[in-house]
Structure formats: C-alpha cells, structure tokens
C-alpha cells in the first residue's frame, strides 16, 4: 500500500526529509507521494515515518495503490538495487 497526502496538508515540510525512498515531493499545491517509490518505510522502519511526523494526520493509505507487505518488501529491494546501480 502506498500512502497519499490529502488536501488537508498544510505544507509544513516535515514529511519530505523523513522519507527514506525520496517518494515525497512538493506538488502544485501540496506535498505528494510517488506510489512507485513509497514502501510505507518497509525495509527501513517499522512505521511510516511521514505518518509519524505529520502534525495534521493527512497521510492515509492510498486506496488506488493497495499492496501487501511482501509486495512492499519487493519494491524496497528493487529501489535499493536501483539506488546502488546509480551510485
């Protein structure tokens, strides 16, 4: 399951630096999450870091991108392999 940021976002900037996959970016009006990079912090942390730091609780699961923990783990591994190849 990738996460998403709702329009309740206040653009406080605390979530973006917390994302270990660099999936969070500033969109047209609010921060957004790239579902192809979001692993809900699987492989990095026990809990999604953006959700932990969000002061307005505007980061729910994205119903358009429901994934199992195993799928998130596989995505984490692909992203790590890609990052190591780019280094």
PDB file of N, CA and C in Angstrom:
ATOM      1  N   UNK A   1       0.831  -1.168   0.000  1.00  0.00           N
ATOM      2  CA  UNK A   1       0.000   0.000   0.000  1.00  0.00           C
ATOM      3  C   UNK A   1       0.877   1.233   0.000  1.00  0.00           C
ATOM      4  N   UNK A   2       0.744   2.007  -0.982  1.00  0.00           N
ATOM      5  CA  UNK A   2       1.410   3.300  -0.973  1.00  0.00           C
ATOM      6  C   UNK A   2       0.537   4.252  -0.164  1.00  0.00           C
ATOM      7  N   UNK A   3       1.161   5.241   0.384  1.00  0.00           N
ATOM      8  CA  UNK A   3       0.433   6.261   1.120  1.00  0.00           C
ATOM      9  C   UNK A   3       0.118   7.419   0.192  1.00  0.00           C
ATOM     10  N   UNK A   4      -0.733   8.323   0.660  1.00  0.00           N
ATOM     11  CA  UNK A   4      -1.058   9.519  -0.100  1.00  0.00           C
ATOM     12  C   UNK A   4      -1.212  10.681   0.876  1.00  0.00           C
ATOM     13  N   UNK A   5      -1.043  11.878   0.376  1.00  0.00           N
ATOM     14  CA  UNK A   5      -1.217  13.063   1.198  1.00  0.00           C
ATOM     15  C   UNK A   5      -2.501  13.744   0.737  1.00  0.00           C
ATOM     16  N   UNK A   6      -3.392  14.017   1.691  1.00  0.00           N
ATOM     17  CA  UNK A   6      -4.682  14.618   1.353  1.00  0.00           C
ATOM     18  C   UNK A   6      -4.577  16.141   1.298  1.00  0.00           C
ATOM     19  N   UNK A   7      -5.648  16.762   0.853  1.00  0.00           N
ATOM     20  CA  UNK A   7      -5.647  18.223   0.729  1.00  0.00           C
ATOM     21  C   UNK A   7      -5.713  18.942   2.074  1.00  0.00           C
ATOM     22  N   UNK A   8      -5.714  18.190   3.166  1.00  0.00           N
ATOM     23  CA  UNK A   8      -5.607  18.804   4.486  1.00  0.00           C
ATOM     24  C   UNK A   8      -4.162  19.182   4.811  1.00  0.00           C
ATOM     25  N   UNK A   9      -3.234  18.814   3.930  1.00  0.00           N
ATOM     26  CA  UNK A   9      -1.805  19.121   4.098  1.00  0.00           C
ATOM     27  C   UNK A   9      -1.614  20.625   4.262  1.00  0.00           C
ATOM     28  N   UNK A  10      -0.782  21.008   5.234  1.00  0.00           N
ATOM     29  CA  UNK A  10      -0.504  22.423   5.480  1.00  0.00           C
ATOM     30  C   UNK A  10       0.877  22.825   4.968  1.00  0.00           C
ATOM     31  N   UNK A  11       1.512  21.964   4.188  1.00  0.00           N
ATOM     32  CA  UNK A  11       2.836  22.244   3.618  1.00  0.00           C
ATOM     33  C   UNK A  11       3.857  22.635   4.681  1.00  0.00           C
ATOM     34  N   UNK A  12       3.886  21.886   5.756  1.00  0.00           N
ATOM     35  CA  UNK A  12       4.794  22.208   6.860  1.00  0.00           C
ATOM     36  C   UNK A  12       6.225  21.720   6.600  1.00  0.00           C
ATOM     37  N   UNK A  13       6.419  20.908   5.572  1.00  0.00           N
ATOM     38  CA  UNK A  13       7.744  20.435   5.160  1.00  0.00           C
ATOM     39  C   UNK A  13       8.384  19.377   6.061  1.00  0.00           C
ATOM     40  N   UNK A  14       7.677  18.827   7.017  1.00  0.00           N
ATOM     41  CA  UNK A  14       8.328  17.855   7.900  1.00  0.00           C
ATOM     42  C   UNK A  14       8.371  16.447   7.322  1.00  0.00           C
ATOM     43  N   UNK A  15       7.470  16.115   6.419  1.00  0.00           N
ATOM     44  CA  UNK A  15       7.414  14.746   5.893  1.00  0.00           C
ATOM     45  C   UNK A  15       8.497  14.461   4.852  1.00  0.00           C
ATOM     46  N   UNK A  16       8.754  15.406   3.974  1.00  0.00           N
ATOM     47  CA  UNK A  16       9.668  15.168   2.851  1.00  0.00           C
ATOM     48  C   UNK A  16      11.040  14.647   3.285  1.00  0.00           C
ATOM     49  N   UNK A  17      11.725  15.290   4.227  1.00  0.00           N
ATOM     50  CA  UNK A  17      13.057  14.788   4.598  1.00  0.00           C
ATOM     51  C   UNK A  17      13.035  13.468   5.361  1.00  0.00           C
ATOM     52  N   UNK A  18      11.874  13.073   5.865  1.00  0.00           N
ATOM     53  CA  UNK A  18      11.773  11.821   6.616  1.00  0.00           C
ATOM     54  C   UNK A  18      11.673  10.590   5.717  1.00  0.00           C
ATOM     55  N   UNK A  19      11.335  10.778   4.457  1.00  0.00           N
ATOM     56  CA  UNK A  19      11.102   9.644   3.560  1.00  0.00           C
ATOM     57  C   UNK A  19      12.421   9.034   3.093  1.00  0.00           C
ATOM     58  N   UNK A  20      12.694   7.784   3.469  1.00  0.00           N
ATOM     59  CA  UNK A  20      13.950   7.149   3.076  1.00  0.00           C
ATOM     60  C   UNK A  20      14.011   6.795   1.588  1.00  0.00           C
ATOM     61  N   UNK A  21      12.875   6.787   0.911  1.00  0.00           N
ATOM     62  CA  UNK A  21      12.836   6.433  -0.509  1.00  0.00           C
ATOM     63  C   UNK A  21      12.719   7.657  -1.421  1.00  0.00           C
ATOM     64  N   UNK A  22      12.711   8.844  -0.824  1.00  0.00           N
ATOM     65  CA  UNK A  22      12.549  10.087  -1.576  1.00  0.00           C
ATOM     66  C   UNK A  22      11.284  10.062  -2.438  1.00  0.00           C
ATOM     67  N   UNK A  23      10.215   9.507  -1.865  1.00  0.00           N
ATOM     68  CA  UNK A  23       8.939   9.399  -2.575  1.00  0.00           C
ATOM     69  C   UNK A  23       8.083  10.649  -2.415  1.00  0.00           C
ATOM     70  N   UNK A  24       8.394  11.499  -1.453  1.00  0.00           N
ATOM     71  CA  UNK A  24       7.586  12.688  -1.182  1.00  0.00           C
ATOM     72  C   UNK A  24       8.207  13.892  -1.877  1.00  0.00           C
ATOM     73  N   UNK A  25       7.356  14.642  -2.539  1.00  0.00           N
ATOM     74  CA  UNK A  25       7.821  15.836  -3.260  1.00  0.00           C
ATOM     75  C   UNK A  25       6.728  16.896  -3.215  1.00  0.00           C
ATOM     76  N   UNK A  26       7.136  18.150  -3.432  1.00  0.00           N
ATOM     77  CA  UNK A  26       6.177  19.248  -3.439  1.00  0.00           C
ATOM     78  C   UNK A  26       5.463  19.280  -4.773  1.00  0.00           C
ATOM     79  N   UNK A  27       4.151  19.082  -4.741  1.00  0.00           N
ATOM     80  CA  UNK A  27       3.335  19.117  -5.951  1.00  0.00           C
ATOM     81  C   UNK A  27       2.916  20.533  -6.262  1.00  0.00           C
ATOM     82  N   UNK A  28       1.864  20.671  -7.070  1.00  0.00           N
ATOM     83  CA  UNK A  28       1.373  22.000  -7.448  1.00  0.00           C
ATOM     84  C   UNK A  28       0.929  22.822  -6.238  1.00  0.00           C
ATOM     85  N   UNK A  29       0.211  22.178  -5.319  1.00  0.00           N
ATOM     86  CA  UNK A  29      -0.325  22.919  -4.169  1.00  0.00           C
ATOM     87  C   UNK A  29       0.100  22.338  -2.829  1.00  0.00           C
ATOM     88  N   UNK A  30       0.240  21.029  -2.766  1.00  0.00           N
ATOM     89  CA  UNK A  30       0.610  20.356  -1.519  1.00  0.00           C
ATOM     90  C   UNK A  30       1.663  19.307  -1.821  1.00  0.00           C
ATOM     91  N   UNK A  31       2.214  18.715  -0.771  1.00  0.00           N
ATOM     92  CA  UNK A  31       3.150  17.618  -0.955  1.00  0.00           C
ATOM     93  C   UNK A  31       2.408  16.410  -1.500  1.00  0.00           C
ATOM     94  N   UNK A  32       3.103  15.615  -2.282  1.00  0.00           N
ATOM     95  CA  UNK A  32       2.527  14.412  -2.874  1.00  0.00           C
ATOM     96  C   UNK A  32       3.485  13.244  -2.665  1.00  0.00           C
ATOM     97  N   UNK A  33       2.971  12.043  -2.842  1.00  0.00           N
ATOM     98  CA  UNK A  33       3.772  10.829  -2.690  1.00  0.00           C
ATOM     99  C   UNK A  33       3.743  10.046  -3.990  1.00  0.00           C
ATOM    100  N   UNK A  34       4.917   9.705  -4.499  1.00  0.00           N
ATOM    101  CA  UNK A  34       5.041   8.882  -5.695  1.00  0.00           C
ATOM    102  C   UNK A  34       4.806   7.429  -5.286  1.00  0.00           C
ATOM    103  N   UNK A  35       3.681   6.823  -5.703  1.00  0.00           N
ATOM    104  CA  UNK A  35       3.375   5.454  -5.275  1.00  0.00           C
ATOM    105  C   UNK A  35       4.393   4.422  -5.758  1.00  0.00           C
ATOM    106  N   UNK A  36       5.125   4.733  -6.817  1.00  0.00           N
ATOM    107  CA  UNK A  36       6.126   3.776  -7.300  1.00  0.00           C
ATOM    108  C   UNK A  36       7.358   3.741  -6.401  1.00  0.00           C
ATOM    109  N   UNK A  37       7.508   4.728  -5.515  1.00  0.00           N
ATOM    110  CA  UNK A  37       8.647   4.774  -4.592  1.00  0.00           C
ATOM    111  C   UNK A  37       8.256   4.537  -3.141  1.00  0.00           C
ATOM    112  N   UNK A  38       6.966   4.643  -2.825  1.00  0.00           N
ATOM    113  CA  UNK A  38       6.512   4.501  -1.436  1.00  0.00           C
ATOM    114  C   UNK A  38       6.426   3.037  -1.038  1.00  0.00           C
ATOM    115  N   UNK A  39       7.150   2.674   0.025  1.00  0.00           N
ATOM    116  CA  UNK A  39       7.085   1.316   0.568  1.00  0.00           C
ATOM    117  C   UNK A  39       6.508   1.322   1.981  1.00  0.00           C
ATOM    118  N   UNK A  40       5.911   2.447   2.389  1.00  0.00           N
ATOM    119  CA  UNK A  40       5.441   2.627   3.764  1.00  0.00           C
ATOM    120  C   UNK A  40       6.581   2.375   4.744  1.00  0.00           C
ATOM    121  N   UNK A  41       7.790   2.648   4.310  1.00  0.00           N
ATOM    122  CA  UNK A  41       9.025   2.501   5.078  1.00  0.00           C
ATOM    123  C   UNK A  41       9.401   1.045   5.345  1.00  0.00           C
ATOM    124  N   UNK A  42       8.718   0.095   4.695  1.00  0.00           N
ATOM    125  CA  UNK A  42       9.112  -1.311   4.808  1.00  0.00           C
ATOM    126  C   UNK A  42      10.554  -1.417   4.318  1.00  0.00           C
ATOM    127  N   UNK A  43      11.375  -2.101   5.098  1.00  0.00           N
ATOM    128  CA  UNK A  43      12.790  -2.233   4.784  1.00  0.00           C
ATOM    129  C   UNK A  43      13.649  -1.201   5.483  1.00  0.00           C
ATOM    130  N   UNK A  44      13.016  -0.132   5.953  1.00  0.00           N
ATOM    131  CA  UNK A  44      13.750   0.931   6.646  1.00  0.00           C
ATOM    132  C   UNK A  44      13.325   1.055   8.110  1.00  0.00           C
ATOM    133  N   UNK A  45      12.019   1.141   8.346  1.00  0.00           N
ATOM    134  CA  UNK A  45      11.478   1.381   9.683  1.00  0.00           C
ATOM    135  C   UNK A  45      10.241   0.515   9.911  1.00  0.00           C
ATOM    136  N   UNK A  46       9.826   0.393  11.162  1.00  0.00           N
ATOM    137  CA  UNK A  46       8.629  -0.385  11.494  1.00  0.00           C
ATOM    138  C   UNK A  46       7.342   0.360  11.153  1.00  0.00           C
ATOM    139  N   UNK A  47       7.397   1.682  11.150  1.00  0.00           N
ATOM    140  CA  UNK A  47       6.229   2.514  10.875  1.00  0.00           C
ATOM    141  C   UNK A  47       6.582   3.544   9.804  1.00  0.00           C
ATOM    142  N   UNK A  48       5.606   3.953   8.992  1.00  0.00           N
ATOM    143  CA  UNK A  48       5.863   5.020   8.026  1.00  0.00           C
ATOM    144  C   UNK A  48       6.280   6.307   8.742  1.00  0.00           C
ATOM    145  N   UNK A  49       7.444   6.803   8.416  1.00  0.00           N
ATOM    146  CA  UNK A  49       7.976   7.972   9.100  1.00  0.00           C
ATOM    147  C   UNK A  49       7.183   9.239   8.823  1.00  0.00           C
ATOM    148  N   UNK A  50       6.676   9.398   7.611  1.00  0.00           N
ATOM    149  CA  UNK A  50       5.894  10.590   7.295  1.00  0.00           C
ATOM    150  C   UNK A  50       4.636  10.662   8.157  1.00  0.00           C
ATOM    151  N   UNK A  51       3.997   9.526   8.371  1.00  0.00           N
ATOM    152  CA  UNK A  51       2.786   9.476   9.204  1.00  0.00           C
ATOM    153  C   UNK A  51       3.139   9.846  10.642  1.00  0.00           C
ATOM    154  N   UNK A  52       4.293   9.381  11.113  1.00  0.00           N
ATOM    155  CA  UNK A  52       4.711   9.655  12.487  1.00  0.00           C
ATOM    156  C   UNK A  52       4.930  11.142  12.744  1.00  0.00           C
ATOM    157  N   UNK A  53       5.455  11.877  11.754  1.00  0.00           N
ATOM    158  CA  UNK A  53       5.789  13.290  11.975  1.00  0.00           C
ATOM    159  C   UNK A  53       4.704  14.266  11.528  1.00  0.00           C
ATOM    160  N   UNK A  54       3.715  13.811  10.786  1.00  0.00           N
ATOM    161  CA  UNK A  54       2.682  14.708  10.253  1.00  0.00           C
ATOM    162  C   UNK A  54       1.833  15.305  11.383  1.00  0.00           C
ATOM    163  N   UNK A  55       1.831  16.634  11.510  1.00  0.00           N
ATOM    164  CA  UNK A  55       1.069  17.252  12.601  1.00  0.00           C
ATOM    165  C   UNK A  55      -0.439  17.313  12.369  1.00  0.00           C
ATOM    166  N   UNK A  56      -0.895  17.075  11.139  1.00  0.00           N
ATOM    167  CA  UNK A  56      -2.331  17.155  10.869  1.00  0.00           C
ATOM    168  C   UNK A  56      -2.945  15.819  10.453  1.00  0.00           C
ATOM    169  N   UNK A  57      -2.183  14.751  10.534  1.00  0.00           N
ATOM    170  CA  UNK A  57      -2.681  13.400  10.221  1.00  0.00           C
ATOM    171  C   UNK A  57      -3.375  13.348   8.865  1.00  0.00           C
ATOM    172  N   UNK A  58      -2.665  13.786   7.818  1.00  0.00           N
ATOM    173  CA  UNK A  58      -3.265  13.821   6.478  1.00  0.00           C
ATOM    174  C   UNK A  58      -2.607  12.830   5.517  1.00  0.00           C
ATOM    175  N   UNK A  59      -2.042  11.734   6.064  1.00  0.00           N
ATOM    176  CA  UNK A  59      -1.354  10.763   5.208  1.00  0.00           C
ATOM    177  C   UNK A  59      -1.934   9.363   5.414  1.00  0.00           C
ATOM    178  N   UNK A  60      -3.055   9.072   4.743  1.00  0.00           N
ATOM    179  CA  UNK A  60      -3.654   7.741   4.832  1.00  0.00           C
ATOM    180  C   UNK A  60      -3.106   6.813   3.737  1.00  0.00           C
ATOM    181  N   UNK A  61      -3.548   5.575   3.781  1.00  0.00           N
ATOM    182  CA  UNK A  61      -3.243   4.617   2.725  1.00  0.00           C
ATOM    183  C   UNK A  61      -3.973   5.054   1.455  1.00  0.00           C
ATOM    184  N   UNK A  62      -3.301   4.957   0.347  1.00  0.00           N
ATOM    185  CA  UNK A  62      -3.891   5.313  -0.947  1.00  0.00           C
ATOM    186  C   UNK A  62      -4.694   4.116  -1.446  1.00  0.00           C
ATOM    187  N   UNK A  63      -6.014   4.216  -1.511  1.00  0.00           N
ATOM    188  CA  UNK A  63      -6.834   3.071  -1.922  1.00  0.00           C
ATOM    189  C   UNK A  63      -6.583   2.640  -3.369  1.00  0.00           C
ATOM    190  N   UNK A  64      -5.991   3.495  -4.172  1.00  0.00           N
ATOM    191  CA  UNK A  64      -5.683   3.145  -5.562  1.00  0.00           C
ATOM    192  C   UNK A  64      -4.393   2.336  -5.673  1.00  0.00           C
ATOM    193  N   UNK A  65      -3.654   2.214  -4.568  1.00  0.00           N
ATOM    194  CA  UNK A  65      -2.367   1.508  -4.603  1.00  0.00           C
ATOM    195  C   UNK A  65      -2.232   0.584  -3.404  1.00  0.00           C
ATOM    196  N   UNK A  66      -3.133  -0.377  -3.282  1.00  0.00           N
ATOM    197  CA  UNK A  66      -3.108  -1.329  -2.181  1.00  0.00           C
ATOM    198  C   UNK A  66      -2.106  -2.433  -2.510  1.00  0.00           C
ATOM    199  N   UNK A  67      -1.149  -2.631  -1.602  1.00  0.00           N
ATOM    200  CA  UNK A  67      -0.107  -3.647  -1.797  1.00  0.00           C
ATOM    201  C   UNK A  67       0.102  -4.418  -0.500  1.00  0.00           C
ATOM    202  N   UNK A  68       0.484  -5.671  -0.622  1.00  0.00           N
ATOM    203  CA  UNK A  68       0.773  -6.481   0.560  1.00  0.00           C
ATOM    204  C   UNK A  68       2.147  -6.102   1.105  1.00  0.00           C
ATOM    205  N   UNK A  69       2.424  -6.520   2.312  1.00  0.00           N
ATOM    206  CA  UNK A  69       3.740  -6.260   2.916  1.00  0.00           C
ATOM    207  C   UNK A  69       4.840  -6.907   2.064  1.00  0.00           C
ATOM    208  N   UNK A  70       4.573  -8.073   1.528  1.00  0.00           N
ATOM    209  CA  UNK A  70       5.547  -8.755   0.665  1.00  0.00           C
ATOM    210  C   UNK A  70       5.824  -7.934  -0.603  1.00  0.00           C
ATOM    211  N   UNK A  71       4.788  -7.380  -1.199  1.00  0.00           N
ATOM    212  CA  UNK A  71       4.956  -6.543  -2.387  1.00  0.00           C
ATOM    213  C   UNK A  71       5.752  -5.289  -2.037  1.00  0.00           C
ATOM    214  N   UNK A  72       5.476  -4.688  -0.874  1.00  0.00           N
ATOM    215  CA  UNK A  72       6.235  -3.522  -0.432  1.00  0.00           C
ATOM    216  C   UNK A  72       7.700  -3.886  -0.219  1.00  0.00           C
ATOM    217  N   UNK A  73       7.972  -5.068   0.331  1.00  0.00           N
ATOM    218  CA  UNK A  73       9.347  -5.532   0.535  1.00  0.00           C
ATOM    219  C   UNK A  73      10.055  -5.695  -0.815  1.00  0.00           C
ATOM    220  N   UNK A  74       9.363  -6.266  -1.788  1.00  0.00           N
ATOM    221  CA  UNK A  74       9.946  -6.427  -3.118  1.00  0.00           C
ATOM    222  C   UNK A  74      10.231  -5.068  -3.759  1.00  0.00           C
ATOM    223  N   UNK A  75       9.336  -4.118  -3.576  1.00  0.00           N
ATOM    224  CA  UNK A  75       9.549  -2.765  -4.106  1.00  0.00           C
ATOM    225  C   UNK A  75      10.774  -2.136  -3.433  1.00  0.00           C
ATOM    226  N   UNK A  76      10.891  -2.307  -2.111  1.00  0.00           N
ATOM    227  CA  UNK A  76      12.055  -1.810  -1.368  1.00  0.00           C
ATOM    228  C   UNK A  76      13.338  -2.380  -1.962  1.00  0.00           C
ATOM    229  N   UNK A  77      13.351  -3.693  -2.217  1.00  0.00           N
ATOM    230  CA  UNK A  77      14.547  -4.331  -2.771  1.00  0.00           C
ATOM    231  C   UNK A  77      14.877  -3.789  -4.164  1.00  0.00           C
ATOM    232  N   UNK A  78      13.873  -3.585  -5.008  1.00  0.00           N
ATOM    233  CA  UNK A  78      14.102  -3.007  -6.339  1.00  0.00           C
ATOM    234  C   UNK A  78      14.671  -1.597  -6.240  1.00  0.00           C
ATOM    235  N   UNK A  79      14.116  -0.797  -5.349  1.00  0.00           N
ATOM    236  CA  UNK A  79      14.587   0.566  -5.185  1.00  0.00           C
ATOM    237  C   UNK A  79      16.031   0.588  -4.672  1.00  0.00           C
ATOM    238  N   UNK A  80      16.370  -0.328  -3.781  1.00  0.00           N
ATOM    239  CA  UNK A  80      17.735  -0.398  -3.254  1.00  0.00           C
ATOM    240  C   UNK A  80      18.720  -0.802  -4.355  1.00  0.00           C
ATOM    241  N   UNK A  81      18.328  -1.775  -5.164  1.00  0.00           N
ATOM    242  CA  UNK A  81      19.185  -2.221  -6.263  1.00  0.00           C
ATOM    243  C   UNK A  81      19.388  -1.088  -7.263  1.00  0.00           C
ATOM    244  N   UNK A  82      18.317  -0.367  -7.555  1.00  0.00           N
ATOM    245  CA  UNK A  82      18.407   0.760  -8.491  1.00  0.00           C
ATOM    246  C   UNK A  82      19.309   1.857  -7.919  1.00  0.00           C
ATOM    247  N   UNK A  83      19.185   2.151  -6.635  1.00  0.00           N
ATOM    248  CA  UNK A  83      19.996   3.190  -5.995  1.00  0.00           C
ATOM    249  C   UNK A  83      21.471   2.791  -5.981  1.00  0.00           C
ATOM    250  N   UNK A  84      21.755   1.521  -5.755  1.00  0.00           N
ATOM    251  CA  UNK A  84      23.139   1.056  -5.736  1.00  0.00           C
ATOM    252  C   UNK A  84      23.738   1.098  -7.141  1.00  0.00           C
ATOM    253  N   UNK A  85      22.923   0.858  -8.144  1.00  0.00           N
ATOM    254  CA  UNK A  85      23.391   0.905  -9.525  1.00  0.00           C
ATOM    255  C   UNK A  85      23.684   2.325  -9.978  1.00  0.00           C
ATOM    256  N   UNK A  86      22.976   3.286  -9.390  1.00  0.00           N
ATOM    257  CA  UNK A  86      23.176   4.691  -9.752  1.00  0.00           C
ATOM    258  C   UNK A  86      24.364   5.303  -9.024  1.00  0.00           C
ATOM    259  N   UNK A  87      24.804   4.657  -7.973  1.00  0.00           N
ATOM    260  CA  UNK A  87      25.893   5.220  -7.168  1.00  0.00           C
ATOM    261  C   UNK A  87      27.256   4.957  -7.773  1.00  0.00           C
TER     262      UNK A  87
END
